[in-house]
Full PDB file with SEQRES, HELIX, SHEET, SSBOND, CRYST1, ORIGX, SCALE, CONECT and MASTER records, all heavy atoms in Angstrom:
SEQRES   1 A   40  PHE ALA LEU GLU THR LEU MET GLU TRP GLY TYR ARG ASP          
SEQRES   2 A   40  ARG HIS ASP ASP VAL ARG LEU CYS VAL SER GLU LEU ALA          
SEQRES   3 A   40  THR ASN ALA LEU LEU HIS GLY ALA PRO PRO GLY ARG GLU          
SEQRES   4 A   40  PHE                                                          
HELIX    1 AA1 ALA A    2  TRP A    9  1                                   8    
HELIX    2 AA2 HIS A   15  ASN A   28  1                                  14    
HELIX    3 AA3 ALA A   29  GLY A   33  3                                   5    
CRYST1    1.000    1.000    1.000  90.00  90.00  90.00 P 1           1          
ORIGX1      1.000000  0.000000  0.000000        0.00000                         
ORIGX2      0.000000  1.000000  0.000000        0.00000                         
ORIGX3      0.000000  0.000000  1.000000        0.00000                         
SCALE1      1.000000  0.000000  0.000000        0.00000                         
SCALE2      0.000000  1.000000  0.000000        0.00000                         
SCALE3      0.000000  0.000000  1.000000        0.00000                         
ATOM      1  N   PHE A   1       0.812  -1.228  -0.049  1.00  0.00           N  
ATOM      2  CA  PHE A   1       0.008  -0.038   0.004  1.00  0.00           C  
ATOM      3  C   PHE A   1       0.862   1.279  -0.016  1.00  0.00           C  
ATOM      4  O   PHE A   1       0.632   2.170  -0.707  1.00  0.00           O  
ATOM      5  CB  PHE A   1      -0.941  -0.015   1.197  1.00  0.00           C  
ATOM      6  CG  PHE A   1      -1.584   1.259   1.444  1.00  0.00           C  
ATOM      7  CD1 PHE A   1      -2.644   1.675   0.688  1.00  0.00           C  
ATOM      8  CD2 PHE A   1      -1.362   2.050   2.585  1.00  0.00           C  
ATOM      9  CE1 PHE A   1      -3.321   2.940   0.970  1.00  0.00           C  
ATOM     10  CE2 PHE A   1      -1.908   3.281   2.821  1.00  0.00           C  
ATOM     11  CZ  PHE A   1      -2.914   3.650   1.994  1.00  0.00           C  
ATOM     12  N   ALA A   2       1.900   1.248   0.815  1.00  0.00           N  
ATOM     13  CA  ALA A   2       2.699   2.476   0.914  1.00  0.00           C  
ATOM     14  C   ALA A   2       3.464   2.647  -0.337  1.00  0.00           C  
ATOM     15  O   ALA A   2       3.548   3.806  -0.837  1.00  0.00           O  
ATOM     16  CB  ALA A   2       3.749   2.274   2.083  1.00  0.00           C  
ATOM     17  N   LEU A   3       4.150   1.584  -0.931  1.00  0.00           N  
ATOM     18  CA  LEU A   3       4.853   1.821  -2.126  1.00  0.00           C  
ATOM     19  C   LEU A   3       4.001   2.213  -3.325  1.00  0.00           C  
ATOM     20  O   LEU A   3       4.383   3.076  -4.172  1.00  0.00           O  
ATOM     21  CB  LEU A   3       5.687   0.594  -2.472  1.00  0.00           C  
ATOM     22  CG  LEU A   3       6.832   0.333  -1.427  1.00  0.00           C  
ATOM     23  CD1 LEU A   3       7.659  -0.883  -1.823  1.00  0.00           C  
ATOM     24  CD2 LEU A   3       7.796   1.525  -1.369  1.00  0.00           C  
ATOM     25  N   GLU A   4       2.821   1.606  -3.440  1.00  0.00           N  
ATOM     26  CA  GLU A   4       1.917   1.978  -4.481  1.00  0.00           C  
ATOM     27  C   GLU A   4       1.517   3.465  -4.386  1.00  0.00           C  
ATOM     28  O   GLU A   4       1.308   4.191  -5.362  1.00  0.00           O  
ATOM     29  CB  GLU A   4       0.708   1.052  -4.560  1.00  0.00           C  
ATOM     30  CG  GLU A   4       0.987  -0.265  -4.958  1.00  0.00           C  
ATOM     31  CD  GLU A   4      -0.153  -1.277  -4.895  1.00  0.00           C  
ATOM     32  OE1 GLU A   4      -1.253  -0.925  -4.229  1.00  0.00           O  
ATOM     33  OE2 GLU A   4      -0.014  -2.349  -5.341  1.00  0.00           O  
ATOM     34  N   THR A   5       1.253   3.902  -3.193  1.00  0.00           N  
ATOM     35  CA  THR A   5       0.947   5.300  -2.930  1.00  0.00           C  
ATOM     36  C   THR A   5       1.996   6.216  -3.335  1.00  0.00           C  
ATOM     37  O   THR A   5       1.805   7.242  -4.028  1.00  0.00           O  
ATOM     38  CB  THR A   5       0.433   5.461  -1.420  1.00  0.00           C  
ATOM     39  OG1 THR A   5      -0.621   4.681  -1.078  1.00  0.00           O  
ATOM     40  CG2 THR A   5       0.160   6.965  -1.128  1.00  0.00           C  
ATOM     41  N   LEU A   6       3.241   5.915  -2.925  1.00  0.00           N  
ATOM     42  CA  LEU A   6       4.364   6.774  -3.310  1.00  0.00           C  
ATOM     43  C   LEU A   6       4.507   6.905  -4.811  1.00  0.00           C  
ATOM     44  O   LEU A   6       4.707   7.933  -5.343  1.00  0.00           O  
ATOM     45  CB  LEU A   6       5.679   6.158  -2.698  1.00  0.00           C  
ATOM     46  CG  LEU A   6       5.837   6.200  -1.263  1.00  0.00           C  
ATOM     47  CD1 LEU A   6       7.228   5.709  -0.841  1.00  0.00           C  
ATOM     48  CD2 LEU A   6       5.678   7.634  -0.718  1.00  0.00           C  
ATOM     49  N   MET A   7       4.407   5.758  -5.489  1.00  0.00           N  
ATOM     50  CA  MET A   7       4.488   5.789  -6.989  1.00  0.00           C  
ATOM     51  C   MET A   7       3.425   6.646  -7.551  1.00  0.00           C  
ATOM     52  O   MET A   7       3.586   7.398  -8.539  1.00  0.00           O  
ATOM     53  CB  MET A   7       4.479   4.351  -7.495  1.00  0.00           C  
ATOM     54  CG  MET A   7       5.721   3.535  -7.056  1.00  0.00           C  
ATOM     55  SD  MET A   7       7.250   4.247  -7.674  1.00  0.00           S  
ATOM     56  CE  MET A   7       7.093   4.028  -9.417  1.00  0.00           C  
ATOM     57  N   GLU A   8       2.161   6.436  -7.087  1.00  0.00           N  
ATOM     58  CA  GLU A   8       1.019   7.216  -7.578  1.00  0.00           C  
ATOM     59  C   GLU A   8       1.225   8.704  -7.381  1.00  0.00           C  
ATOM     60  O   GLU A   8       0.886   9.439  -8.252  1.00  0.00           O  
ATOM     61  CB  GLU A   8      -0.278   6.645  -6.919  1.00  0.00           C  
ATOM     62  CG  GLU A   8      -1.499   7.375  -7.457  1.00  0.00           C  
ATOM     63  CD  GLU A   8      -2.770   6.862  -6.858  1.00  0.00           C  
ATOM     64  OE1 GLU A   8      -2.844   5.654  -6.648  1.00  0.00           O  
ATOM     65  OE2 GLU A   8      -3.657   7.659  -6.550  1.00  0.00           O  
ATOM     66  N   TRP A   9       1.763   9.012  -6.207  1.00  0.00           N  
ATOM     67  CA  TRP A   9       1.978  10.459  -5.881  1.00  0.00           C  
ATOM     68  C   TRP A   9       3.197  11.043  -6.655  1.00  0.00           C  
ATOM     69  O   TRP A   9       3.307  12.235  -6.629  1.00  0.00           O  
ATOM     70  CB  TRP A   9       2.189  10.660  -4.382  1.00  0.00           C  
ATOM     71  CG  TRP A   9       0.816  10.475  -3.665  1.00  0.00           C  
ATOM     72  CD1 TRP A   9      -0.462  10.387  -4.095  1.00  0.00           C  
ATOM     73  CD2 TRP A   9       0.782  10.404  -2.222  1.00  0.00           C  
ATOM     74  NE1 TRP A   9      -1.307  10.250  -3.095  1.00  0.00           N  
ATOM     75  CE2 TRP A   9      -0.642  10.300  -1.865  1.00  0.00           C  
ATOM     76  CE3 TRP A   9       1.699  10.476  -1.137  1.00  0.00           C  
ATOM     77  CZ2 TRP A   9      -1.047  10.156  -0.579  1.00  0.00           C  
ATOM     78  CZ3 TRP A   9       1.215  10.312   0.122  1.00  0.00           C  
ATOM     79  CH2 TRP A   9      -0.051  10.265   0.388  1.00  0.00           C  
ATOM     80  N   GLY A  10       4.056  10.212  -7.119  1.00  0.00           N  
ATOM     81  CA  GLY A  10       5.217  10.632  -7.811  1.00  0.00           C  
ATOM     82  C   GLY A  10       6.552  10.743  -7.076  1.00  0.00           C  
ATOM     83  O   GLY A  10       7.564  11.292  -7.441  1.00  0.00           O  
ATOM     84  N   TYR A  11       6.518  10.201  -5.814  1.00  0.00           N  
ATOM     85  CA  TYR A  11       7.759  10.092  -4.999  1.00  0.00           C  
ATOM     86  C   TYR A  11       8.517   9.033  -5.543  1.00  0.00           C  
ATOM     87  O   TYR A  11       8.111   7.847  -5.561  1.00  0.00           O  
ATOM     88  CB  TYR A  11       7.441   9.959  -3.508  1.00  0.00           C  
ATOM     89  CG  TYR A  11       6.856  11.026  -2.788  1.00  0.00           C  
ATOM     90  CD1 TYR A  11       5.508  11.194  -2.525  1.00  0.00           C  
ATOM     91  CD2 TYR A  11       7.683  12.144  -2.379  1.00  0.00           C  
ATOM     92  CE1 TYR A  11       5.017  12.249  -1.781  1.00  0.00           C  
ATOM     93  CE2 TYR A  11       7.259  13.215  -1.692  1.00  0.00           C  
ATOM     94  CZ  TYR A  11       5.851  13.258  -1.443  1.00  0.00           C  
ATOM     95  OH  TYR A  11       5.374  14.434  -0.757  1.00  0.00           O  
ATOM     96  N   ARG A  12       9.786   9.348  -5.950  1.00  0.00           N  
ATOM     97  CA  ARG A  12      10.648   8.364  -6.533  1.00  0.00           C  
ATOM     98  C   ARG A  12      11.892   8.024  -5.688  1.00  0.00           C  
ATOM     99  O   ARG A  12      12.755   7.306  -6.081  1.00  0.00           O  
ATOM    100  CB  ARG A  12      11.150   8.800  -7.897  1.00  0.00           C  
ATOM    101  CG  ARG A  12      10.003   9.271  -8.825  1.00  0.00           C  
ATOM    102  CD  ARG A  12       9.414   7.997  -9.558  1.00  0.00           C  
ATOM    103  NE  ARG A  12       8.464   8.440 -10.465  1.00  0.00           N  
ATOM    104  CZ  ARG A  12       7.160   8.049 -10.422  1.00  0.00           C  
ATOM    105  NH1 ARG A  12       6.638   7.333  -9.418  1.00  0.00           N  
ATOM    106  NH2 ARG A  12       6.262   8.499 -11.241  1.00  0.00           N  
ATOM    107  N   ASP A  13      11.927   8.608  -4.515  1.00  0.00           N  
ATOM    108  CA  ASP A  13      13.123   8.554  -3.667  1.00  0.00           C  
ATOM    109  C   ASP A  13      12.915   7.775  -2.349  1.00  0.00           C  
ATOM    110  O   ASP A  13      11.712   7.715  -2.036  1.00  0.00           O  
ATOM    111  CB  ASP A  13      13.580  10.000  -3.328  1.00  0.00           C  
ATOM    112  CG  ASP A  13      14.830  10.159  -2.565  1.00  0.00           C  
ATOM    113  OD1 ASP A  13      15.725   9.376  -2.864  1.00  0.00           O  
ATOM    114  OD2 ASP A  13      15.013  11.056  -1.771  1.00  0.00           O  
ATOM    115  N   ARG A  14      13.798   7.133  -1.836  1.00  0.00           N  
ATOM    116  CA  ARG A  14      13.856   6.494  -0.481  1.00  0.00           C  
ATOM    117  C   ARG A  14      12.834   5.414  -0.312  1.00  0.00           C  
ATOM    118  O   ARG A  14      12.308   5.231   0.770  1.00  0.00           O  
ATOM    119  CB  ARG A  14      13.735   7.599   0.580  1.00  0.00           C  
ATOM    120  CG  ARG A  14      14.820   8.571   0.555  1.00  0.00           C  
ATOM    121  CD  ARG A  14      14.829   9.502   1.736  1.00  0.00           C  
ATOM    122  NE  ARG A  14      15.196   8.797   2.960  1.00  0.00           N  
ATOM    123  CZ  ARG A  14      15.242   9.323   4.185  1.00  0.00           C  
ATOM    124  NH1 ARG A  14      14.877  10.521   4.256  1.00  0.00           N  
ATOM    125  NH2 ARG A  14      15.571   8.620   5.250  1.00  0.00           N  
ATOM    126  N   HIS A  15      12.531   4.695  -1.374  1.00  0.00           N  
ATOM    127  CA  HIS A  15      11.494   3.678  -1.280  1.00  0.00           C  
ATOM    128  C   HIS A  15      11.913   2.557  -0.301  1.00  0.00           C  
ATOM    129  O   HIS A  15      11.015   2.033   0.481  1.00  0.00           O  
ATOM    130  CB  HIS A  15      11.273   2.997  -2.662  1.00  0.00           C  
ATOM    131  CG  HIS A  15      10.442   3.954  -3.526  1.00  0.00           C  
ATOM    132  ND1 HIS A  15       9.791   3.376  -4.663  1.00  0.00           N  
ATOM    133  CD2 HIS A  15      10.070   5.166  -3.463  1.00  0.00           C  
ATOM    134  CE1 HIS A  15       9.219   4.394  -5.234  1.00  0.00           C  
ATOM    135  NE2 HIS A  15       9.292   5.492  -4.549  1.00  0.00           N  
ATOM    136  N   ASP A  16      13.234   2.168  -0.261  1.00  0.00           N  
ATOM    137  CA  ASP A  16      13.578   1.196   0.718  1.00  0.00           C  
ATOM    138  C   ASP A  16      13.472   1.647   2.113  1.00  0.00           C  
ATOM    139  O   ASP A  16      13.096   0.846   2.979  1.00  0.00           O  
ATOM    140  CB  ASP A  16      15.111   0.770   0.416  1.00  0.00           C  
ATOM    141  CG  ASP A  16      15.220   0.025  -0.912  1.00  0.00           C  
ATOM    142  OD1 ASP A  16      14.263  -0.603  -1.371  1.00  0.00           O  
ATOM    143  OD2 ASP A  16      16.280  -0.013  -1.514  1.00  0.00           O  
ATOM    144  N   ASP A  17      13.827   2.925   2.362  1.00  0.00           N  
ATOM    145  CA  ASP A  17      13.694   3.432   3.662  1.00  0.00           C  
ATOM    146  C   ASP A  17      12.223   3.471   4.152  1.00  0.00           C  
ATOM    147  O   ASP A  17      11.883   3.095   5.277  1.00  0.00           O  
ATOM    148  CB  ASP A  17      14.237   4.852   3.785  1.00  0.00           C  
ATOM    149  CG  ASP A  17      15.781   4.940   3.639  1.00  0.00           C  
ATOM    150  OD1 ASP A  17      16.387   3.831   3.557  1.00  0.00           O  
ATOM    151  OD2 ASP A  17      16.196   6.077   3.320  1.00  0.00           O  
ATOM    152  N   VAL A  18      11.327   3.838   3.200  1.00  0.00           N  
ATOM    153  CA  VAL A  18       9.888   3.928   3.572  1.00  0.00           C  
ATOM    154  C   VAL A  18       9.429   2.480   3.789  1.00  0.00           C  
ATOM    155  O   VAL A  18       8.625   2.242   4.770  1.00  0.00           O  
ATOM    156  CB  VAL A  18       9.124   4.562   2.419  1.00  0.00           C  
ATOM    157  CG1 VAL A  18       7.619   4.497   2.702  1.00  0.00           C  
ATOM    158  CG2 VAL A  18       9.520   6.089   2.277  1.00  0.00           C  
ATOM    159  N   ARG A  19       9.833   1.596   2.934  1.00  0.00           N  
ATOM    160  CA  ARG A  19       9.418   0.184   3.089  1.00  0.00           C  
ATOM    161  C   ARG A  19       9.709  -0.383   4.414  1.00  0.00           C  
ATOM    162  O   ARG A  19       8.951  -1.101   5.140  1.00  0.00           O  
ATOM    163  CB  ARG A  19      10.002  -0.656   1.974  1.00  0.00           C  
ATOM    164  CG  ARG A  19       9.613  -2.154   2.104  1.00  0.00           C  
ATOM    165  CD  ARG A  19      10.279  -3.001   1.041  1.00  0.00           C  
ATOM    166  NE  ARG A  19       9.885  -2.629  -0.428  1.00  0.00           N  
ATOM    167  CZ  ARG A  19      10.817  -2.163  -1.259  1.00  0.00           C  
ATOM    168  NH1 ARG A  19      12.106  -2.149  -0.987  1.00  0.00           N  
ATOM    169  NH2 ARG A  19      10.383  -1.872  -2.470  1.00  0.00           N  
ATOM    170  N   LEU A  20      10.987  -0.096   4.832  1.00  0.00           N  
ATOM    171  CA  LEU A  20      11.500  -0.632   6.179  1.00  0.00           C  
ATOM    172  C   LEU A  20      10.753  -0.035   7.377  1.00  0.00           C  
ATOM    173  O   LEU A  20      10.316  -0.602   8.294  1.00  0.00           O  
ATOM    174  CB  LEU A  20      12.933  -0.464   6.304  1.00  0.00           C  
ATOM    175  CG  LEU A  20      13.619  -1.056   7.494  1.00  0.00           C  
ATOM    176  CD1 LEU A  20      13.383  -2.519   7.600  1.00  0.00           C  
ATOM    177  CD2 LEU A  20      15.052  -0.814   7.563  1.00  0.00           C  
ATOM    178  N   CYS A  21      10.529   1.329   7.268  1.00  0.00           N  
ATOM    179  CA  CYS A  21       9.842   1.995   8.353  1.00  0.00           C  
ATOM    180  C   CYS A  21       8.389   1.538   8.410  1.00  0.00           C  
ATOM    181  O   CYS A  21       7.889   1.223   9.581  1.00  0.00           O  
ATOM    182  CB  CYS A  21       9.844   3.519   8.121  1.00  0.00           C  
ATOM    183  SG  CYS A  21      11.476   4.300   8.416  1.00  0.00           S  
ATOM    184  N   VAL A  22       7.696   1.335   7.361  1.00  0.00           N  
ATOM    185  CA  VAL A  22       6.340   0.764   7.307  1.00  0.00           C  
ATOM    186  C   VAL A  22       6.364  -0.565   7.945  1.00  0.00           C  
ATOM    187  O   VAL A  22       5.528  -0.949   8.784  1.00  0.00           O  
ATOM    188  CB  VAL A  22       5.668   0.896   5.936  1.00  0.00           C  
ATOM    189  CG1 VAL A  22       4.401  -0.029   5.908  1.00  0.00           C  
ATOM    190  CG2 VAL A  22       5.450   2.265   5.480  1.00  0.00           C  
ATOM    191  N   SER A  23       7.263  -1.436   7.500  1.00  0.00           N  
ATOM    192  CA  SER A  23       7.384  -2.782   7.869  1.00  0.00           C  
ATOM    193  C   SER A  23       7.535  -2.869   9.512  1.00  0.00           C  
ATOM    194  O   SER A  23       6.753  -3.622  10.120  1.00  0.00           O  
ATOM    195  CB  SER A  23       8.456  -3.464   7.272  1.00  0.00           C  
ATOM    196  OG  SER A  23       8.453  -4.820   7.431  1.00  0.00           O  
ATOM    197  N   GLU A  24       8.471  -2.028   9.947  1.00  0.00           N  
ATOM    198  CA  GLU A  24       8.755  -2.174  11.472  1.00  0.00           C  
ATOM    199  C   GLU A  24       7.552  -1.651  12.242  1.00  0.00           C  
ATOM    200  O   GLU A  24       7.246  -2.188  13.254  1.00  0.00           O  
ATOM    201  CB  GLU A  24      10.011  -1.369  11.712  1.00  0.00           C  
ATOM    202  CG  GLU A  24      11.301  -1.982  11.116  1.00  0.00           C  
ATOM    203  CD  GLU A  24      11.546  -3.390  11.694  1.00  0.00           C  
ATOM    204  OE1 GLU A  24      11.107  -3.772  12.855  1.00  0.00           O  
ATOM    205  OE2 GLU A  24      12.219  -4.198  10.983  1.00  0.00           O  
ATOM    206  N   LEU A  25       7.008  -0.447  11.827  1.00  0.00           N  
ATOM    207  CA  LEU A  25       5.919   0.156  12.613  1.00  0.00           C  
ATOM    208  C   LEU A  25       4.705  -0.782  12.520  1.00  0.00           C  
ATOM    209  O   LEU A  25       3.959  -0.959  13.521  1.00  0.00           O  
ATOM    210  CB  LEU A  25       5.613   1.542  12.052  1.00  0.00           C  
ATOM    211  CG  LEU A  25       6.698   2.509  12.289  1.00  0.00           C  
ATOM    212  CD1 LEU A  25       6.322   3.945  11.678  1.00  0.00           C  
ATOM    213  CD2 LEU A  25       7.144   2.658  13.713  1.00  0.00           C  
ATOM    214  N   ALA A  26       4.441  -1.300  11.361  1.00  0.00           N  
ATOM    215  CA  ALA A  26       3.223  -2.223  11.269  1.00  0.00           C  
ATOM    216  C   ALA A  26       3.478  -3.516  12.074  1.00  0.00           C  
ATOM    217  O   ALA A  26       2.471  -3.971  12.787  1.00  0.00           O  
ATOM    218  CB  ALA A  26       3.004  -2.539   9.773  1.00  0.00           C  
ATOM    219  N   THR A  27       4.713  -4.078  12.034  1.00  0.00           N  
ATOM    220  CA  THR A  27       4.959  -5.259  12.800  1.00  0.00           C  
ATOM    221  C   THR A  27       4.797  -5.023  14.329  1.00  0.00           C  
ATOM    222  O   THR A  27       4.183  -5.763  15.034  1.00  0.00           O  
ATOM    223  CB  THR A  27       6.397  -5.740  12.552  1.00  0.00           C  
ATOM    224  OG1 THR A  27       6.507  -6.048  11.118  1.00  0.00           O  
ATOM    225  CG2 THR A  27       6.763  -6.917  13.428  1.00  0.00           C  
ATOM    226  N   ASN A  28       5.312  -3.728  14.725  1.00  0.00           N  
ATOM    227  CA  ASN A  28       5.064  -3.456  16.193  1.00  0.00           C  
ATOM    228  C   ASN A  28       3.682  -3.327  16.480  1.00  0.00           C  
ATOM    229  O   ASN A  28       3.175  -3.792  17.630  1.00  0.00           O  
ATOM    230  CB  ASN A  28       5.794  -2.157  16.531  1.00  0.00           C  
ATOM    231  CG  ASN A  28       7.293  -2.388  16.702  1.00  0.00           C  
ATOM    232  OD1 ASN A  28       7.794  -3.494  16.727  1.00  0.00           O  
ATOM    233  ND2 ASN A  28       8.011  -1.301  16.867  1.00  0.00           N  
ATOM    234  N   ALA A  29       2.784  -2.746  15.604  1.00  0.00           N  
ATOM    235  CA  ALA A  29       1.350  -2.593  15.927  1.00  0.00           C  
ATOM    236  C   ALA A  29       0.719  -3.985  15.952  1.00  0.00           C  
ATOM    237  O   ALA A  29      -0.131  -4.246  16.849  1.00  0.00           O  
ATOM    238  CB  ALA A  29       0.694  -1.758  14.851  1.00  0.00           C  
ATOM    239  N   LEU A  30       1.178  -4.852  15.111  1.00  0.00           N  
ATOM    240  CA  LEU A  30       0.633  -6.207  15.040  1.00  0.00           C  
ATOM    241  C   LEU A  30       1.007  -6.985  16.317  1.00  0.00           C  
ATOM    242  O   LEU A  30       0.124  -7.672  16.950  1.00  0.00           O  
ATOM    243  CB  LEU A  30       1.143  -6.861  13.838  1.00  0.00           C  
ATOM    244  CG  LEU A  30       0.728  -8.369  13.670  1.00  0.00           C  
ATOM    245  CD1 LEU A  30      -0.642  -8.576  13.322  1.00  0.00           C  
ATOM    246  CD2 LEU A  30       1.678  -8.955  12.619  1.00  0.00           C  
ATOM    247  N   LEU A  31       2.147  -6.898  16.764  1.00  0.00           N  
ATOM    248  CA  LEU A  31       2.749  -7.697  17.808  1.00  0.00           C  
ATOM    249  C   LEU A  31       2.402  -7.159  19.198  1.00  0.00           C  
ATOM    250  O   LEU A  31       2.202  -7.853  20.195  1.00  0.00           O  
ATOM    251  CB  LEU A  31       4.200  -8.000  17.706  1.00  0.00           C  
ATOM    252  CG  LEU A  31       4.695  -8.712  16.514  1.00  0.00           C  
ATOM    253  CD1 LEU A  31       6.195  -8.843  16.514  1.00  0.00           C  
ATOM    254  CD2 LEU A  31       4.076 -10.146  16.541  1.00  0.00           C  
ATOM    255  N   HIS A  32       2.452  -5.788  19.310  1.00  0.00           N  
ATOM    256  CA  HIS A  32       2.423  -5.169  20.653  1.00  0.00           C  
ATOM    257  C   HIS A  32       1.225  -4.150  20.803  1.00  0.00           C  
ATOM    258  O   HIS A  32       0.952  -3.794  21.925  1.00  0.00           O  
ATOM    259  CB  HIS A  32       3.725  -4.348  20.972  1.00  0.00           C  
ATOM    260  CG  HIS A  32       4.938  -5.174  20.759  1.00  0.00           C  
ATOM    261  ND1 HIS A  32       5.199  -6.306  21.535  1.00  0.00           N  
ATOM    262  CD2 HIS A  32       5.894  -5.173  19.844  1.00  0.00           C  
ATOM    263  CE1 HIS A  32       6.345  -6.871  21.132  1.00  0.00           C  
ATOM    264  NE2 HIS A  32       6.767  -6.250  20.106  1.00  0.00           N  
ATOM    265  N   GLY A  33       0.598  -3.722  19.730  1.00  0.00           N  
ATOM    266  CA  GLY A  33      -0.325  -2.673  19.816  1.00  0.00           C  
ATOM    267  C   GLY A  33      -1.864  -3.098  19.700  1.00  0.00           C  
ATOM    268  O   GLY A  33      -2.619  -2.828  20.642  1.00  0.00           O  
ATOM    269  N   ALA A  34      -2.107  -3.568  18.560  1.00  0.00           N  
ATOM    270  CA  ALA A  34      -3.513  -3.873  18.160  1.00  0.00           C  
ATOM    271  C   ALA A  34      -3.948  -5.040  19.058  1.00  0.00           C  
ATOM    272  O   ALA A  34      -3.460  -6.175  18.945  1.00  0.00           O  
ATOM    273  CB  ALA A  34      -3.715  -4.103  16.707  1.00  0.00           C  
ATOM    274  N   PRO A  35      -5.070  -4.925  19.883  1.00  0.00           N  
ATOM    275  CA  PRO A  35      -5.501  -6.065  20.602  1.00  0.00           C  
ATOM    276  C   PRO A  35      -6.141  -7.067  19.727  1.00  0.00           C  
ATOM    277  O   PRO A  35      -6.527  -6.762  18.536  1.00  0.00           O  
ATOM    278  CB  PRO A  35      -6.538  -5.457  21.574  1.00  0.00           C  
ATOM    279  CG  PRO A  35      -6.252  -3.973  21.556  1.00  0.00           C  
ATOM    280  CD  PRO A  35      -5.637  -3.699  20.234  1.00  0.00           C  
ATOM    281  N   PRO A  36      -6.253  -8.335  20.147  1.00  0.00           N  
ATOM    282  CA  PRO A  36      -6.906  -9.345  19.343  1.00  0.00           C  
ATOM    283  C   PRO A  36      -8.275  -8.929  18.795  1.00  0.00           C  
ATOM    284  O   PRO A  36      -9.050  -8.355  19.564  1.00  0.00           O  
ATOM    285  CB  PRO A  36      -6.961 -10.599  20.245  1.00  0.00           C  
ATOM    286  CG  PRO A  36      -5.852 -10.353  21.181  1.00  0.00           C  
ATOM    287  CD  PRO A  36      -5.786  -8.862  21.416  1.00  0.00           C  
ATOM    288  N   GLY A  37      -8.521  -9.140  17.570  1.00  0.00           N  
ATOM    289  CA  GLY A  37      -9.799  -8.847  16.964  1.00  0.00           C  
ATOM    290  C   GLY A  37      -9.806  -7.369  16.459  1.00  0.00           C  
ATOM    291  O   GLY A  37     -10.921  -7.012  15.913  1.00  0.00           O  
ATOM    292  N   ARG A  38      -8.805  -6.557  16.688  1.00  0.00           N  
ATOM    293  CA  ARG A  38      -8.822  -5.273  16.314  1.00  0.00           C  
ATOM    294  C   ARG A  38      -7.945  -4.999  15.087  1.00  0.00           C  
ATOM    295  O   ARG A  38      -7.237  -5.868  14.661  1.00  0.00           O  
ATOM    296  CB  ARG A  38      -8.333  -4.281  17.435  1.00  0.00           C  
ATOM    297  CG  ARG A  38      -9.118  -4.426  18.786  1.00  0.00           C  
ATOM    298  CD  ARG A  38     -10.514  -3.984  18.692  1.00  0.00           C  
ATOM    299  NE  ARG A  38     -10.749  -2.655  18.339  1.00  0.00           N  
ATOM    300  CZ  ARG A  38     -10.945  -1.603  19.097  1.00  0.00           C  
ATOM    301  NH1 ARG A  38     -10.961  -1.836  20.406  1.00  0.00           N  
ATOM    302  NH2 ARG A  38     -11.150  -0.394  18.661  1.00  0.00           N  
ATOM    303  N   GLU A  39      -7.936  -3.791  14.610  1.00  0.00           N  
ATOM    304  CA  GLU A  39      -7.171  -3.455  13.453  1.00  0.00           C  
ATOM    305  C   GLU A  39      -6.067  -2.414  13.809  1.00  0.00           C  
ATOM    306  O   GLU A  39      -6.231  -1.762  14.871  1.00  0.00           O  
ATOM    307  CB  GLU A  39      -7.981  -2.830  12.319  1.00  0.00           C  
ATOM    308  CG  GLU A  39      -9.106  -3.804  11.799  1.00  0.00           C  
ATOM    309  CD  GLU A  39     -10.028  -3.105  10.901  1.00  0.00           C  
ATOM    310  OE1 GLU A  39     -10.462  -2.035  11.077  1.00  0.00           O  
ATOM    311  OE2 GLU A  39     -10.312  -3.835   9.840  1.00  0.00           O  
ATOM    312  N   PHE A  40      -5.163  -2.088  12.830  1.00  0.00           N  
ATOM    313  CA  PHE A  40      -4.312  -0.866  12.942  1.00  0.00           C  
ATOM    314  C   PHE A  40      -4.465  -0.175  11.644  1.00  0.00           C  
ATOM    315  O   PHE A  40      -4.905  -0.766  10.618  1.00  0.00           O  
ATOM    316  CB  PHE A  40      -2.808  -1.340  13.317  1.00  0.00           C  
ATOM    317  CG  PHE A  40      -2.132  -2.050  12.128  1.00  0.00           C  
ATOM    318  CD1 PHE A  40      -1.480  -1.453  11.256  1.00  0.00           C  
ATOM    319  CD2 PHE A  40      -2.102  -3.493  12.095  1.00  0.00           C  
ATOM    320  CE1 PHE A  40      -0.806  -2.064  10.136  1.00  0.00           C  
ATOM    321  CE2 PHE A  40      -1.548  -4.190  11.123  1.00  0.00           C  
ATOM    322  CZ  PHE A  40      -0.856  -3.490  10.163  1.00  0.00           C  
TER     323      PHE A  40                                                      
MASTER        0    0    0    3    0    0    0    6  322    1    0    4          
END                                                                             
């Protein structure tokens, strides 16, 4: 979702950095933040 959005908006820089930040923040929400049955 993040990379498709960047491409659609025309951002061509730092895709690997964005991908890693999204991955780490989403993983933390999944493992430590969102309670069972909820979303992030």
